[in-house]
C-alpha atoms as a PDB file:
ATOM      1  CA  UNK A   1      38.946  11.129 -35.603  1.00  0.00           C
ATOM      2  CA  UNK A   2      38.852  15.397 -35.718  1.00  0.00           C
ATOM      3  CA  UNK A   3      40.038  17.187 -38.742  1.00  0.00           C
ATOM      4  CA  UNK A   4      41.020  20.526 -39.234  1.00  0.00           C
ATOM      5  CA  UNK A   5      37.970  22.932 -39.721  1.00  0.00           C
ATOM      6  CA  UNK A   6      38.639  26.755 -41.074  1.00  0.00           C
ATOM      7  CA  UNK A   7      34.706  28.149 -40.531  1.00  0.00           C
ATOM      8  CA  UNK A   8      36.278  32.091 -40.588  1.00  0.00           C
ATOM      9  CA  UNK A   9      36.921  31.903 -43.731  1.00  0.00           C
ATOM     10  CA  UNK A  10      34.038  30.570 -44.658  1.00  0.00           C
ATOM     11  CA  UNK A  11      31.958  32.250 -42.928  1.00  0.00           C
ATOM     12  CA  UNK A  12      33.324  35.607 -42.908  1.00  0.00           C
ATOM     13  CA  UNK A  13      32.682  38.416 -45.484  1.00  0.00           C
ATOM     14  CA  UNK A  14      29.719  36.988 -46.698  1.00  0.00           C
ATOM     15  CA  UNK A  15      27.038  39.694 -48.806  1.00  0.00           C
ATOM     16  CA  UNK A  16      24.453  40.876 -47.167  1.00  0.00           C
ATOM     17  CA  UNK A  17      20.995  41.469 -48.644  1.00  0.00           C
ATOM     18  CA  UNK A  18      17.533  40.822 -49.197  1.00  0.00           C
ATOM     19  CA  UNK A  19      16.703  38.151 -51.650  1.00  0.00           C
ATOM     20  CA  UNK A  20      13.706  35.405 -52.316  1.00  0.00           C
ATOM     21  CA  UNK A  21      12.647  32.158 -51.484  1.00  0.00           C
ATOM     22  CA  UNK A  22      14.009  28.998 -53.285  1.00  0.00           C
ATOM     23  CA  UNK A  23      10.133  27.753 -53.555  1.00  0.00           C
ATOM     24  CA  UNK A  24       7.385  29.335 -54.613  1.00  0.00           C
ATOM     25  CA  UNK A  25       4.543  31.090 -51.992  1.00  0.00           C
ATOM     26  CA  UNK A  26       7.687  30.996 -49.311  1.00  0.00           C
ATOM     27  CA  UNK A  27       9.780  33.376 -47.401  1.00  0.00           C
ATOM     28  CA  UNK A  28      13.276  32.409 -46.150  1.00  0.00           C
ATOM     29  CA  UNK A  29      16.894  32.838 -44.885  1.00  0.00           C
ATOM     30  CA  UNK A  30      20.216  31.906 -45.382  1.00  0.00           C
ATOM     31  CA  UNK A  31      23.242  31.982 -43.400  1.00  0.00           C
ATOM     32  CA  UNK A  32      25.160  30.086 -40.740  1.00  0.00           C
ATOM     33  CA  UNK A  33      24.513  29.811 -36.807  1.00  0.00           C
ATOM     34  CA  UNK A  34      24.542  27.604 -33.704  1.00  0.00           C
ATOM     35  CA  UNK A  35      21.953  25.106 -33.798  1.00  0.00           C
ATOM     36  CA  UNK A  36      21.529  24.604 -30.519  1.00  0.00           C
ATOM     37  CA  UNK A  37      23.977  23.930 -27.332  1.00  0.00           C
ATOM     38  CA  UNK A  38      22.726  22.798 -23.607  1.00  0.00           C
ATOM     39  CA  UNK A  39      24.358  22.851 -21.302  1.00  0.00           C
ATOM     40  CA  UNK A  40      24.302  21.177 -17.921  1.00  0.00           C
ATOM     41  CA  UNK A  41      22.967  24.238 -15.925  1.00  0.00           C
ATOM     42  CA  UNK A  42      19.709  23.308 -17.615  1.00  0.00           C
ATOM     43  CA  UNK A  43      20.624  26.586 -20.046  1.00  0.00           C
ATOM     44  CA  UNK A  44      20.540  26.370 -23.843  1.00  0.00           C
ATOM     45  CA  UNK A  45      21.796  28.952 -26.218  1.00  0.00           C
ATOM     46  CA  UNK A  46      21.115  29.880 -29.614  1.00  0.00           C
ATOM     47  CA  UNK A  47      22.073  31.579 -32.520  1.00  0.00           C
ATOM     48  CA  UNK A  48      21.246  32.920 -35.767  1.00  0.00           C
ATOM     49  CA  UNK A  49      23.431  34.343 -38.377  1.00  0.00           C
ATOM     50  CA  UNK A  50      21.441  35.591 -41.705  1.00  0.00           C
ATOM     51  CA  UNK A  51      22.972  37.385 -43.646  1.00  0.00           C
ATOM     52  CA  UNK A  52      20.531  37.181 -46.231  1.00  0.00           C
ATOM     53  CA  UNK A  53      16.199  36.809 -46.205  1.00  0.00           C
ATOM     54  CA  UNK A  54      13.259  37.905 -47.687  1.00  0.00           C
ATOM     55  CA  UNK A  55      13.285  41.036 -45.196  1.00  0.00           C
ATOM     56  CA  UNK A  56      17.478  41.346 -44.706  1.00  0.00           C
ATOM     57  CA  UNK A  57      19.961  40.594 -42.923  1.00  0.00           C
ATOM     58  CA  UNK A  58      20.076  40.004 -38.702  1.00  0.00           C
ATOM     59  CA  UNK A  59      21.422  38.526 -35.662  1.00  0.00           C
ATOM     60  CA  UNK A  60      19.824  37.051 -33.624  1.00  0.00           C
ATOM     61  CA  UNK A  61      20.658  34.851 -29.777  1.00  0.00           C
ATOM     62  CA  UNK A  62      17.896  32.412 -28.363  1.00  0.00           C
ATOM     63  CA  UNK A  63      18.327  31.378 -24.342  1.00  0.00           C
ATOM     64  CA  UNK A  64      16.394  29.171 -22.650  1.00  0.00           C
ATOM     65  CA  UNK A  65      16.637  29.376 -19.114  1.00  0.00           C
ATOM     66  CA  UNK A  66      16.461  26.496 -16.517  1.00  0.00           C
ATOM     67  CA  UNK A  67      12.546  26.681 -15.317  1.00  0.00           C
ATOM     68  CA  UNK A  68      11.890  25.672 -19.434  1.00  0.00           C
ATOM     69  CA  UNK A  69      11.730  30.243 -20.090  1.00  0.00           C
ATOM     70  CA  UNK A  70      13.021  31.809 -23.857  1.00  0.00           C
ATOM     71  CA  UNK A  71      14.187  34.831 -25.181  1.00  0.00           C
ATOM     72  CA  UNK A  72      15.166  35.838 -28.316  1.00  0.00           C
ATOM     73  CA  UNK A  73      17.408  39.183 -28.863  1.00  0.00           C
ATOM     74  CA  UNK A  74      17.642  40.430 -32.070  1.00  0.00           C
ATOM     75  CA  UNK A  75      20.431  42.750 -33.882  1.00  0.00           C
ATOM     76  CA  UNK A  76      18.672  43.941 -36.855  1.00  0.00           C
ATOM     77  CA  UNK A  77      15.921  46.111 -38.093  1.00  0.00           C
ATOM     78  CA  UNK A  78      12.444  44.930 -36.833  1.00  0.00           C
ATOM     79  CA  UNK A  79      11.627  42.029 -34.304  1.00  0.00           C
ATOM     80  CA  UNK A  80       9.284  41.010 -36.566  1.00  0.00           C
ATOM     81  CA  UNK A  81      10.970  40.104 -39.672  1.00  0.00           C
ATOM     82  CA  UNK A  82      13.500  38.621 -37.225  1.00  0.00           C
ATOM     83  CA  UNK A  83      13.652  34.851 -35.915  1.00  0.00           C
ATOM     84  CA  UNK A  84      10.880  35.958 -32.956  1.00  0.00           C
ATOM     85  CA  UNK A  85       8.473  36.243 -36.903  1.00  0.00           C
ATOM     86  CA  UNK A  86       8.311  32.078 -36.431  1.00  0.00           C
ATOM     87  CA  UNK A  87       9.419  31.548 -32.493  1.00  0.00           C
ATOM     88  CA  UNK A  88       8.107  34.937 -31.089  1.00  0.00           C
ATOM     89  CA  UNK A  89       5.164  33.447 -29.961  1.00  0.00           C
ATOM     90  CA  UNK A  90       6.809  30.102 -27.638  1.00  0.00           C
ATOM     91  CA  UNK A  91       8.831  33.093 -25.852  1.00  0.00           C
ATOM     92  CA  UNK A  92       9.008  34.796 -22.669  1.00  0.00           C
ATOM     93  CA  UNK A  93      11.065  37.657 -23.666  1.00  0.00           C
ATOM     94  CA  UNK A  94      11.673  38.917 -27.346  1.00  0.00           C
ATOM     95  CA  UNK A  95      14.062  42.426 -27.930  1.00  0.00           C
ATOM     96  CA  UNK A  96      16.658  44.206 -29.653  1.00  0.00           C
ATOM     97  CA  UNK A  97      21.013  43.546 -28.630  1.00  0.00           C
ATOM     98  CA  UNK A  98      23.834  44.460 -29.890  1.00  0.00           C
ATOM     99  CA  UNK A  99      25.738  41.225 -30.819  1.00  0.00           C
ATOM    100  CA  UNK A 100      28.904  40.568 -32.096  1.00  0.00           C
ATOM    101  CA  UNK A 101      31.369  38.053 -33.230  1.00  0.00           C
ATOM    102  CA  UNK A 102      34.793  37.482 -33.088  1.00  0.00           C
ATOM    103  CA  UNK A 103      36.759  34.493 -35.370  1.00  0.00           C
ATOM    104  CA  UNK A 104      39.265  33.889 -32.564  1.00  0.00           C
ATOM    105  CA  UNK A 105      40.686  31.238 -34.045  1.00  0.00           C
ATOM    106  CA  UNK A 106      39.787  29.210 -37.814  1.00  0.00           C
ATOM    107  CA  UNK A 107      37.322  26.783 -35.949  1.00  0.00           C
ATOM    108  CA  UNK A 108      36.500  29.316 -32.575  1.00  0.00           C
ATOM    109  CA  UNK A 109      33.929  31.935 -32.396  1.00  0.00           C
ATOM    110  CA  UNK A 110      33.479  34.345 -29.729  1.00  0.00           C
ATOM    111  CA  UNK A 111      30.128  35.729 -29.433  1.00  0.00           C
ATOM    112  CA  UNK A 112      28.896  38.694 -27.331  1.00  0.00           C
ATOM    113  CA  UNK A 113      25.749  41.114 -26.201  1.00  0.00           C
ATOM    114  CA  UNK A 114      25.544  44.084 -25.043  1.00  0.00           C
ATOM    115  CA  UNK A 115      22.193  43.617 -22.696  1.00  0.00           C
ATOM    116  CA  UNK A 116      21.461  41.284 -21.092  1.00  0.00           C
ATOM    117  CA  UNK A 117      26.001  40.785 -21.338  1.00  0.00           C
ATOM    118  CA  UNK A 118      26.617  37.718 -22.662  1.00  0.00           C
ATOM    119  CA  UNK A 119      30.550  36.370 -23.101  1.00  0.00           C
ATOM    120  CA  UNK A 120      30.160  33.332 -25.212  1.00  0.00           C
ATOM    121  CA  UNK A 121      32.777  31.099 -26.546  1.00  0.00           C
ATOM    122  CA  UNK A 122      32.881  28.135 -28.624  1.00  0.00           C
ATOM    123  CA  UNK A 123      35.152  25.967 -30.738  1.00  0.00           C
ATOM    124  CA  UNK A 124      33.129  23.679 -33.927  1.00  0.00           C
ATOM    125  CA  UNK A 125      34.820  20.218 -35.172  1.00  0.00           C
ATOM    126  CA  UNK A 126      34.117  17.948 -37.508  1.00  0.00           C
ATOM    127  CA  UNK A 127      34.325  13.544 -37.568  1.00  0.00           C
ATOM    128  CA  UNK A 128      35.446  12.083 -40.516  1.00  0.00           C
ATOM    129  CA  UNK A 129      32.427  10.535 -40.652  1.00  0.00           C
ATOM    130  CA  UNK A 130      30.397  14.453 -40.612  1.00  0.00           C
ATOM    131  CA  UNK A 131      33.258  15.882 -43.264  1.00  0.00           C
ATOM    132  CA  UNK A 132      31.721  13.095 -46.190  1.00  0.00           C
ATOM    133  CA  UNK A 133      27.968  13.852 -44.471  1.00  0.00           C
ATOM    134  CA  UNK A 134      28.084  17.541 -44.996  1.00  0.00           C
ATOM    135  CA  UNK A 135      30.106  16.938 -48.491  1.00  0.00           C
ATOM    136  CA  UNK A 136      27.351  14.632 -49.752  1.00  0.00           C
ATOM    137  CA  UNK A 137      24.376  17.022 -48.223  1.00  0.00           C
ATOM    138  CA  UNK A 138      25.519  20.194 -50.111  1.00  0.00           C
ATOM    139  CA  UNK A 139      25.715  18.385 -52.977  1.00  0.00           C
ATOM    140  CA  UNK A 140      22.168  17.540 -53.018  1.00  0.00           C
ATOM    141  CA  UNK A 141      19.457  19.866 -54.565  1.00  0.00           C
ATOM    142  CA  UNK A 142      17.436  22.015 -52.463  1.00  0.00           C
ATOM    143  CA  UNK A 143      14.406  19.933 -54.378  1.00  0.00           C
ATOM    144  CA  UNK A 144      15.843  17.169 -52.090  1.00  0.00           C
ATOM    145  CA  UNK A 145      14.252  18.723 -49.292  1.00  0.00           C
ATOM    146  CA  UNK A 146      10.220  19.218 -50.918  1.00  0.00           C
ATOM    147  CA  UNK A 147      10.469  14.791 -50.068  1.00  0.00           C
ATOM    148  CA  UNK A 148       9.152  13.539 -47.430  1.00  0.00           C
ATOM    149  CA  UNK A 149      11.374  10.421 -47.601  1.00  0.00           C
ATOM    150  CA  UNK A 150      14.554  12.447 -48.013  1.00  0.00           C
ATOM    151  CA  UNK A 151      13.472  14.256 -45.269  1.00  0.00           C
ATOM    152  CA  UNK A 152      13.338  11.729 -42.975  1.00  0.00           C
ATOM    153  CA  UNK A 153      16.505  10.198 -43.785  1.00  0.00           C
ATOM    154  CA  UNK A 154      17.882  13.128 -42.434  1.00  0.00           C
ATOM    155  CA  UNK A 155      16.175  13.129 -39.799  1.00  0.00           C
ATOM    156  CA  UNK A 156      17.348   9.326 -39.248  1.00  0.00           C
ATOM    157  CA  UNK A 157      21.349  10.590 -39.434  1.00  0.00           C
ATOM    158  CA  UNK A 158      21.321  13.132 -36.559  1.00  0.00           C
ATOM    159  CA  UNK A 159      19.801  10.489 -34.362  1.00  0.00           C
ATOM    160  CA  UNK A 160      22.682   8.728 -35.543  1.00  0.00           C
ATOM    161  CA  UNK A 161      24.702  11.331 -34.703  1.00  0.00           C
ATOM    162  CA  UNK A 162      23.704  11.996 -30.998  1.00  0.00           C
ATOM    163  CA  UNK A 163      21.390  15.380 -32.288  1.00  0.00           C
ATOM    164  CA  UNK A 164      17.612  13.091 -30.752  1.00  0.00           C
ATOM    165  CA  UNK A 165      14.770  13.615 -32.518  1.00  0.00           C
ATOM    166  CA  UNK A 166      15.257  16.335 -35.042  1.00  0.00           C
ATOM    167  CA  UNK A 167      12.668  17.068 -36.631  1.00  0.00           C
ATOM    168  CA  UNK A 168      13.085  18.987 -40.260  1.00  0.00           C
ATOM    169  CA  UNK A 169       9.580  20.360 -41.137  1.00  0.00           C
ATOM    170  CA  UNK A 170       7.197  21.668 -38.681  1.00  0.00           C
ATOM    171  CA  UNK A 171       4.680  24.112 -37.880  1.00  0.00           C
ATOM    172  CA  UNK A 172       6.744  27.376 -36.003  1.00  0.00           C
ATOM    173  CA  UNK A 173       4.874  29.128 -33.174  1.00  0.00           C
ATOM    174  CA  UNK A 174       3.448  31.527 -35.064  1.00  0.00           C
ATOM    175  CA  UNK A 175       1.843  28.697 -37.784  1.00  0.00           C
ATOM    176  CA  UNK A 176       4.171  28.887 -40.698  1.00  0.00           C
ATOM    177  CA  UNK A 177       4.585  25.522 -41.938  1.00  0.00           C
ATOM    178  CA  UNK A 178       8.538  25.492 -41.920  1.00  0.00           C
ATOM    179  CA  UNK A 179      11.430  23.861 -43.615  1.00  0.00           C
ATOM    180  CA  UNK A 180      14.894  23.882 -41.780  1.00  0.00           C
ATOM    181  CA  UNK A 181      18.274  23.091 -44.199  1.00  0.00           C
ATOM    182  CA  UNK A 182      20.852  22.349 -42.725  1.00  0.00           C
ATOM    183  CA  UNK A 183      23.381  21.709 -45.459  1.00  0.00           C
ATOM    184  CA  UNK A 184      26.602  21.120 -43.758  1.00  0.00           C
ATOM    185  CA  UNK A 185      27.070  20.600 -39.748  1.00  0.00           C
ATOM    186  CA  UNK A 186      30.197  20.705 -37.355  1.00  0.00           C
ATOM    187  CA  UNK A 187      29.727  19.389 -33.078  1.00  0.00           C
ATOM    188  CA  UNK A 188      29.810  22.328 -31.337  1.00  0.00           C
ATOM    189  CA  UNK A 189      31.868  20.102 -27.464  1.00  0.00           C
ATOM    190  CA  UNK A 190      33.758  22.915 -26.470  1.00  0.00           C
ATOM    191  CA  UNK A 191      32.050  25.991 -25.089  1.00  0.00           C
ATOM    192  CA  UNK A 192      31.602  28.478 -21.755  1.00  0.00           C
ATOM    193  CA  UNK A 193      29.232  31.132 -21.466  1.00  0.00           C
ATOM    194  CA  UNK A 194      28.456  33.942 -18.969  1.00  0.00           C
ATOM    195  CA  UNK A 195      25.224  35.937 -18.950  1.00  0.00           C
ATOM    196  CA  UNK A 196      24.974  38.492 -17.192  1.00  0.00           C
ATOM    197  CA  UNK A 197      28.002  37.461 -14.974  1.00  0.00           C
ATOM    198  CA  UNK A 198      26.252  33.878 -13.938  1.00  0.00           C
ATOM    199  CA  UNK A 199      28.175  30.721 -15.593  1.00  0.00           C
ATOM    200  CA  UNK A 200      26.651  28.559 -17.693  1.00  0.00           C
ATOM    201  CA  UNK A 201      28.667  25.511 -17.070  1.00  0.00           C
ATOM    202  CA  UNK A 202      29.313  23.051 -20.137  1.00  0.00           C
ATOM    203  CA  UNK A 203      28.267  21.749 -22.371  1.00  0.00           C
ATOM    204  CA  UNK A 204      25.902  18.566 -22.409  1.00  0.00           C
ATOM    205  CA  UNK A 205      24.659  16.531 -24.240  1.00  0.00           C
ATOM    206  CA  UNK A 206      20.908  15.827 -23.499  1.00  0.00           C
ATOM    207  CA  UNK A 207      18.305  12.865 -23.653  1.00  0.00           C
ATOM    208  CA  UNK A 208      15.826  15.020 -24.611  1.00  0.00           C
ATOM    209  CA  UNK A 209      15.506  17.594 -27.273  1.00  0.00           C
ATOM    210  CA  UNK A 210      14.990  20.570 -25.654  1.00  0.00           C
ATOM    211  CA  UNK A 211      12.416  22.758 -27.467  1.00  0.00           C
ATOM    212  CA  UNK A 212      10.997  25.765 -28.664  1.00  0.00           C
ATOM    213  CA  UNK A 213       7.479  25.328 -28.665  1.00  0.00           C
ATOM    214  CA  UNK A 214       6.997  22.330 -30.454  1.00  0.00           C
ATOM    215  CA  UNK A 215       9.925  22.553 -32.419  1.00  0.00           C
ATOM    216  CA  UNK A 216      12.966  19.957 -31.360  1.00  0.00           C
ATOM    217  CA  UNK A 217      16.256  21.823 -31.010  1.00  0.00           C
ATOM    218  CA  UNK A 218      19.193  18.927 -31.240  1.00  0.00           C
ATOM    219  CA  UNK A 219      20.228  17.295 -28.137  1.00  0.00           C
ATOM    220  CA  UNK A 220      23.812  18.365 -28.957  1.00  0.00           C
ATOM    221  CA  UNK A 221      25.942  21.066 -29.865  1.00  0.00           C
ATOM    222  CA  UNK A 222      25.989  21.805 -32.989  1.00  0.00           C
ATOM    223  CA  UNK A 223      26.455  24.488 -35.390  1.00  0.00           C
ATOM    224  CA  UNK A 224      24.754  24.487 -38.692  1.00  0.00           C
ATOM    225  CA  UNK A 225      25.226  25.811 -42.158  1.00  0.00           C
ATOM    226  CA  UNK A 226      22.031  26.280 -44.213  1.00  0.00           C
ATOM    227  CA  UNK A 227      18.892  27.793 -44.610  1.00  0.00           C
ATOM    228  CA  UNK A 228      15.094  27.584 -43.871  1.00  0.00           C
ATOM    229  CA  UNK A 229      12.436  28.394 -45.559  1.00  0.00           C
ATOM    230  CA  UNK A 230       9.120  29.183 -44.327  1.00  0.00           C
ATOM    231  CA  UNK A 231       4.846  28.894 -46.322  1.00  0.00           C
ATOM    232  CA  UNK A 232       3.661  32.364 -46.387  1.00  0.00           C
ATOM    233  CA  UNK A 233       0.755  33.071 -44.742  1.00  0.00           C
ATOM    234  CA  UNK A 234      -0.859  36.243 -45.448  1.00  0.00           C
ATOM    235  CA  UNK A 235       0.538  37.461 -48.935  1.00  0.00           C
ATOM    236  CA  UNK A 236      -0.604  41.139 -48.519  1.00  0.00           C
ATOM    237  CA  UNK A 237       1.391  41.418 -44.752  1.00  0.00           C
ATOM    238  CA  UNK A 238       3.862  39.775 -46.229  1.00  0.00           C
ATOM    239  CA  UNK A 239       4.333  42.691 -49.572  1.00  0.00           C
ATOM    240  CA  UNK A 240       3.569  44.429 -47.113  1.00  0.00           C
ATOM    241  CA  UNK A 241       6.272  43.904 -44.309  1.00  0.00           C
ATOM    242  CA  UNK A 242       8.955  43.187 -46.973  1.00  0.00           C
ATOM    243  CA  UNK A 243       8.279  46.914 -48.758  1.00  0.00           C
ATOM    244  CA  UNK A 244       8.861  48.170 -45.285  1.00  0.00           C
ATOM    245  CA  UNK A 245      12.343  46.511 -45.053  1.00  0.00           C
ATOM    246  CA  UNK A 246      15.732  48.434 -46.667  1.00  0.00           C
ATOM    247  CA  UNK A 247      17.051  46.872 -49.448  1.00  0.00           C
ATOM    248  CA  UNK A 248      20.766  46.610 -48.407  1.00  0.00           C
ATOM    249  CA  UNK A 249      23.844  47.742 -50.763  1.00  0.00           C
END
């Protein structure tokens, strides 16, 4: 049974800025987004809204076309301090775009983009079981994400929720070893989207997970709140890149 949900109040107005990763020798991003949403047309969309990261705030829209080609569009200061830093090597295109977010109801979101033109609406929901799991997950310390046994238990829970064979830890297309840490998740079963005027169809539950490089995304639509951390590959490059980004107020 679905429960009442107010994500608009929870996710609107999160302060933006730079910070430090929760673990030594890591970089991070913290916020929320649509982990992945496959459509029956073969298209896949994803959204990342990270008000806080090692390099400052950014938003991205990910798109996979039916032939498997990925694009990532960044609304942020630089491409190499946003999602393309980790996933760009698996993309056919990365570039800039203006991404707009409007909450049209407590759990309904409209996402727009200027080029390519995107008009994407979605509504999130939570069941009693998922709400209980979210409550438990939010109470667990981040240190539990460094224990392989507990990460494996979370991955098995994800399969039980119909998300397929997710891998919360692994190597990104860039070579960065990383850990994805969703603390709260919500189903996205209601959504419509048009991209450059083309209707992408309706959400679908896939038998196999869509992948960007070797990283699997959910087999069904999920909105997640949490963070991700990646090992720093080159300390000098990291400090140089961080030093080139502006500290947000």
